[in-house]
Amino acid sequence: MTPIRGTTRAQAVEELLRELSNLLVTCYSVPETEREVSWAADADRITGHIALTLATARARLGPDARAVTAPTLHVR
């Protein structure tokens, strides 16, 4: 995910969620009997991808993103 100037905050969140969803699909595609070993081996890569994706999204949100401490999620 690369930063694009002029995109909206909603688009940044949409791309963040899409990246995380894709990562979850990839992680859960590993057979259940192999997950512990696979996830342990890939833990740095997985958490690094999450950290990079989140940092990129926060940067796209702009300077106000750092002021938000406890978001309220409206889940239906």
N, C-alpha and C. Protein backbone atom coordinates (compact mmCIF):
# COMPACT_ATOMS: atom_id res chain seq x y z
N MET A 1 0.86 -1.16 0.00
CA MET A 1 0.00 0.00 0.00
C MET A 1 0.90 1.22 0.00
N THR A 2 0.79 2.05 -1.03
CA THR A 2 1.63 3.23 -1.10
C THR A 2 0.79 4.47 -0.85
N PRO A 3 1.37 5.47 -0.16
CA PRO A 3 0.62 6.69 0.11
C PRO A 3 0.28 7.42 -1.19
N ILE A 4 -0.92 7.90 -1.28
CA ILE A 4 -1.38 8.66 -2.44
C ILE A 4 -1.93 9.98 -1.93
N ARG A 5 -1.38 11.07 -2.40
CA ARG A 5 -1.86 12.38 -1.96
C ARG A 5 -3.27 12.64 -2.47
N GLY A 6 -4.06 13.30 -1.64
CA GLY A 6 -5.39 13.69 -2.04
C GLY A 6 -6.47 12.65 -1.83
N THR A 7 -6.13 11.51 -1.27
CA THR A 7 -7.17 10.52 -1.02
C THR A 7 -7.89 10.88 0.28
N THR A 8 -9.09 10.41 0.41
CA THR A 8 -9.87 10.73 1.60
C THR A 8 -9.52 9.82 2.75
N ARG A 9 -9.91 10.23 3.94
CA ARG A 9 -9.69 9.42 5.13
C ARG A 9 -10.41 8.08 5.00
N ALA A 10 -11.60 8.11 4.46
CA ALA A 10 -12.36 6.87 4.29
C ALA A 10 -11.64 5.91 3.36
N GLN A 11 -11.03 6.43 2.31
CA GLN A 11 -10.29 5.57 1.38
C GLN A 11 -9.07 4.96 2.08
N ALA A 12 -8.41 5.72 2.93
CA ALA A 12 -7.26 5.19 3.67
C ALA A 12 -7.70 4.05 4.58
N VAL A 13 -8.82 4.22 5.25
CA VAL A 13 -9.34 3.16 6.12
C VAL A 13 -9.77 1.96 5.30
N GLU A 14 -10.41 2.21 4.17
CA GLU A 14 -10.84 1.11 3.31
C GLU A 14 -9.64 0.28 2.86
N GLU A 15 -8.56 0.93 2.46
CA GLU A 15 -7.38 0.20 2.03
C GLU A 15 -6.72 -0.54 3.19
N LEU A 16 -6.72 0.06 4.37
CA LEU A 16 -6.20 -0.61 5.56
C LEU A 16 -6.97 -1.89 5.82
N LEU A 17 -8.28 -1.80 5.83
CA LEU A 17 -9.11 -2.97 6.11
C LEU A 17 -8.96 -4.04 5.02
N ARG A 18 -8.83 -3.61 3.78
CA ARG A 18 -8.65 -4.56 2.69
C ARG A 18 -7.32 -5.31 2.86
N GLU A 19 -6.25 -4.58 3.18
CA GLU A 19 -4.95 -5.23 3.40
C GLU A 19 -5.01 -6.23 4.55
N LEU A 20 -5.65 -5.84 5.65
CA LEU A 20 -5.76 -6.73 6.80
C LEU A 20 -6.62 -7.94 6.46
N SER A 21 -7.69 -7.73 5.72
CA SER A 21 -8.54 -8.84 5.30
C SER A 21 -7.76 -9.82 4.44
N ASN A 22 -6.99 -9.30 3.49
CA ASN A 22 -6.18 -10.16 2.63
C ASN A 22 -5.17 -10.95 3.44
N LEU A 23 -4.58 -10.31 4.44
CA LEU A 23 -3.61 -11.00 5.29
C LEU A 23 -4.29 -12.12 6.08
N LEU A 24 -5.48 -11.84 6.61
CA LEU A 24 -6.21 -12.87 7.35
C LEU A 24 -6.55 -14.06 6.46
N VAL A 25 -6.99 -13.79 5.25
CA VAL A 25 -7.33 -14.87 4.32
C VAL A 25 -6.08 -15.71 4.05
N THR A 26 -4.95 -15.05 3.83
CA THR A 26 -3.71 -15.76 3.57
C THR A 26 -3.30 -16.61 4.77
N CYS A 27 -3.38 -16.02 5.95
CA CYS A 27 -2.98 -16.76 7.17
C CYS A 27 -3.90 -17.94 7.44
N TYR A 28 -5.19 -17.74 7.26
CA TYR A 28 -6.13 -18.83 7.55
C TYR A 28 -6.23 -19.85 6.42
N SER A 29 -5.55 -19.59 5.29
CA SER A 29 -5.55 -20.59 4.23
C SER A 29 -4.57 -21.72 4.53
N VAL A 30 -3.71 -21.51 5.51
CA VAL A 30 -2.79 -22.57 5.94
C VAL A 30 -3.62 -23.64 6.65
N PRO A 31 -3.42 -24.90 6.31
CA PRO A 31 -4.18 -25.96 6.99
C PRO A 31 -4.04 -25.85 8.51
N GLU A 32 -5.13 -26.10 9.20
CA GLU A 32 -5.16 -25.93 10.65
C GLU A 32 -4.06 -26.72 11.36
N THR A 33 -3.75 -27.87 10.85
CA THR A 33 -2.71 -28.69 11.49
C THR A 33 -1.31 -28.11 11.32
N GLU A 34 -1.13 -27.18 10.39
CA GLU A 34 0.17 -26.57 10.11
C GLU A 34 0.28 -25.13 10.61
N ARG A 35 -0.82 -24.57 11.11
CA ARG A 35 -0.85 -23.15 11.47
C ARG A 35 0.16 -22.76 12.54
N GLU A 36 0.24 -23.53 13.61
CA GLU A 36 1.13 -23.14 14.70
C GLU A 36 2.57 -22.99 14.21
N VAL A 37 3.04 -23.97 13.45
CA VAL A 37 4.41 -23.92 12.94
C VAL A 37 4.56 -22.80 11.92
N SER A 38 3.61 -22.70 11.02
CA SER A 38 3.66 -21.68 9.96
C SER A 38 3.61 -20.27 10.54
N TRP A 39 2.66 -20.03 11.43
CA TRP A 39 2.51 -18.70 12.00
C TRP A 39 3.70 -18.33 12.86
N ALA A 40 4.25 -19.30 13.59
CA ALA A 40 5.44 -19.03 14.40
C ALA A 40 6.62 -18.65 13.50
N ALA A 41 6.77 -19.36 12.41
CA ALA A 41 7.87 -19.09 11.47
C ALA A 41 7.71 -17.73 10.79
N ASP A 42 6.47 -17.34 10.54
CA ASP A 42 6.19 -16.09 9.83
C ASP A 42 5.78 -14.94 10.73
N ALA A 43 5.91 -15.10 12.03
CA ALA A 43 5.41 -14.08 12.97
C ALA A 43 5.99 -12.70 12.70
N ASP A 44 7.30 -12.61 12.46
CA ASP A 44 7.91 -11.30 12.20
C ASP A 44 7.39 -10.69 10.91
N ARG A 45 7.24 -11.53 9.88
CA ARG A 45 6.72 -11.02 8.59
C ARG A 45 5.28 -10.56 8.73
N ILE A 46 4.47 -11.35 9.43
CA ILE A 46 3.05 -11.02 9.60
C ILE A 46 2.88 -9.73 10.40
N THR A 47 3.55 -9.65 11.55
CA THR A 47 3.40 -8.45 12.38
C THR A 47 4.05 -7.24 11.72
N GLY A 48 5.11 -7.47 10.97
CA GLY A 48 5.74 -6.37 10.23
C GLY A 48 4.81 -5.81 9.16
N HIS A 49 4.11 -6.71 8.47
CA HIS A 49 3.15 -6.28 7.44
C HIS A 49 2.02 -5.47 8.08
N ILE A 50 1.54 -5.93 9.21
CA ILE A 50 0.48 -5.21 9.91
C ILE A 50 0.97 -3.83 10.33
N ALA A 51 2.16 -3.76 10.91
CA ALA A 51 2.71 -2.49 11.36
C ALA A 51 2.90 -1.52 10.20
N LEU A 52 3.45 -2.00 9.09
CA LEU A 52 3.66 -1.15 7.92
C LEU A 52 2.33 -0.66 7.35
N THR A 53 1.36 -1.56 7.25
CA THR A 53 0.05 -1.21 6.72
C THR A 53 -0.63 -0.16 7.59
N LEU A 54 -0.55 -0.34 8.90
CA LEU A 54 -1.15 0.62 9.83
C LEU A 54 -0.43 1.97 9.75
N ALA A 55 0.89 1.95 9.73
CA ALA A 55 1.65 3.20 9.66
C ALA A 55 1.34 3.97 8.37
N THR A 56 1.22 3.23 7.27
CA THR A 56 0.89 3.87 5.99
C THR A 56 -0.49 4.51 6.04
N ALA A 57 -1.46 3.79 6.59
CA ALA A 57 -2.82 4.33 6.70
C ALA A 57 -2.85 5.56 7.59
N ARG A 58 -2.15 5.50 8.71
CA ARG A 58 -2.12 6.65 9.64
C ARG A 58 -1.47 7.86 8.98
N ALA A 59 -0.44 7.63 8.20
CA ALA A 59 0.21 8.74 7.50
C ALA A 59 -0.74 9.37 6.48
N ARG A 60 -1.54 8.55 5.83
CA ARG A 60 -2.50 9.06 4.85
C ARG A 60 -3.64 9.83 5.51
N LEU A 61 -3.89 9.53 6.78
CA LEU A 61 -4.96 10.25 7.50
C LEU A 61 -4.55 11.68 7.82
N GLY A 62 -3.27 11.94 7.87
CA GLY A 62 -2.79 13.28 8.13
C GLY A 62 -2.40 13.49 9.58
N PRO A 63 -2.02 14.72 9.92
CA PRO A 63 -1.52 15.02 11.26
C PRO A 63 -2.54 14.79 12.37
N ASP A 64 -3.82 14.87 12.07
CA ASP A 64 -4.84 14.66 13.10
C ASP A 64 -4.91 13.21 13.56
N ALA A 65 -4.35 12.28 12.80
CA ALA A 65 -4.44 10.86 13.14
C ALA A 65 -3.77 10.57 14.47
N ARG A 66 -2.72 11.29 14.80
CA ARG A 66 -2.00 11.04 16.04
C ARG A 66 -2.77 11.54 17.25
N ALA A 67 -3.73 12.42 17.05
CA ALA A 67 -4.50 12.98 18.16
C ALA A 67 -5.59 12.03 18.63
N VAL A 68 -5.94 11.08 17.80
CA VAL A 68 -7.02 10.14 18.14
C VAL A 68 -6.43 9.06 19.05
N THR A 69 -7.03 8.90 20.23
CA THR A 69 -6.49 7.91 21.16
C THR A 69 -7.40 6.69 21.33
N ALA A 70 -8.69 6.88 21.33
CA ALA A 70 -9.60 5.76 21.54
C ALA A 70 -10.77 5.87 20.57
N PRO A 71 -10.63 5.24 19.39
CA PRO A 71 -11.72 5.34 18.42
C PRO A 71 -12.96 4.57 18.90
N THR A 72 -14.09 5.09 18.51
CA THR A 72 -15.35 4.42 18.79
C THR A 72 -15.79 3.71 17.53
N LEU A 73 -15.88 2.40 17.59
CA LEU A 73 -16.30 1.63 16.43
C LEU A 73 -17.79 1.41 16.48
N HIS A 74 -18.43 1.62 15.37
CA HIS A 74 -19.88 1.39 15.28
C HIS A 74 -20.08 0.12 14.47
N VAL A 75 -20.13 -0.99 15.16
CA VAL A 75 -20.27 -2.30 14.52
C VAL A 75 -21.73 -2.72 14.62
N ARG A 76 -22.25 -3.15 13.51
CA ARG A 76 -23.65 -3.58 13.48
C ARG A 76 -23.76 -5.06 13.44
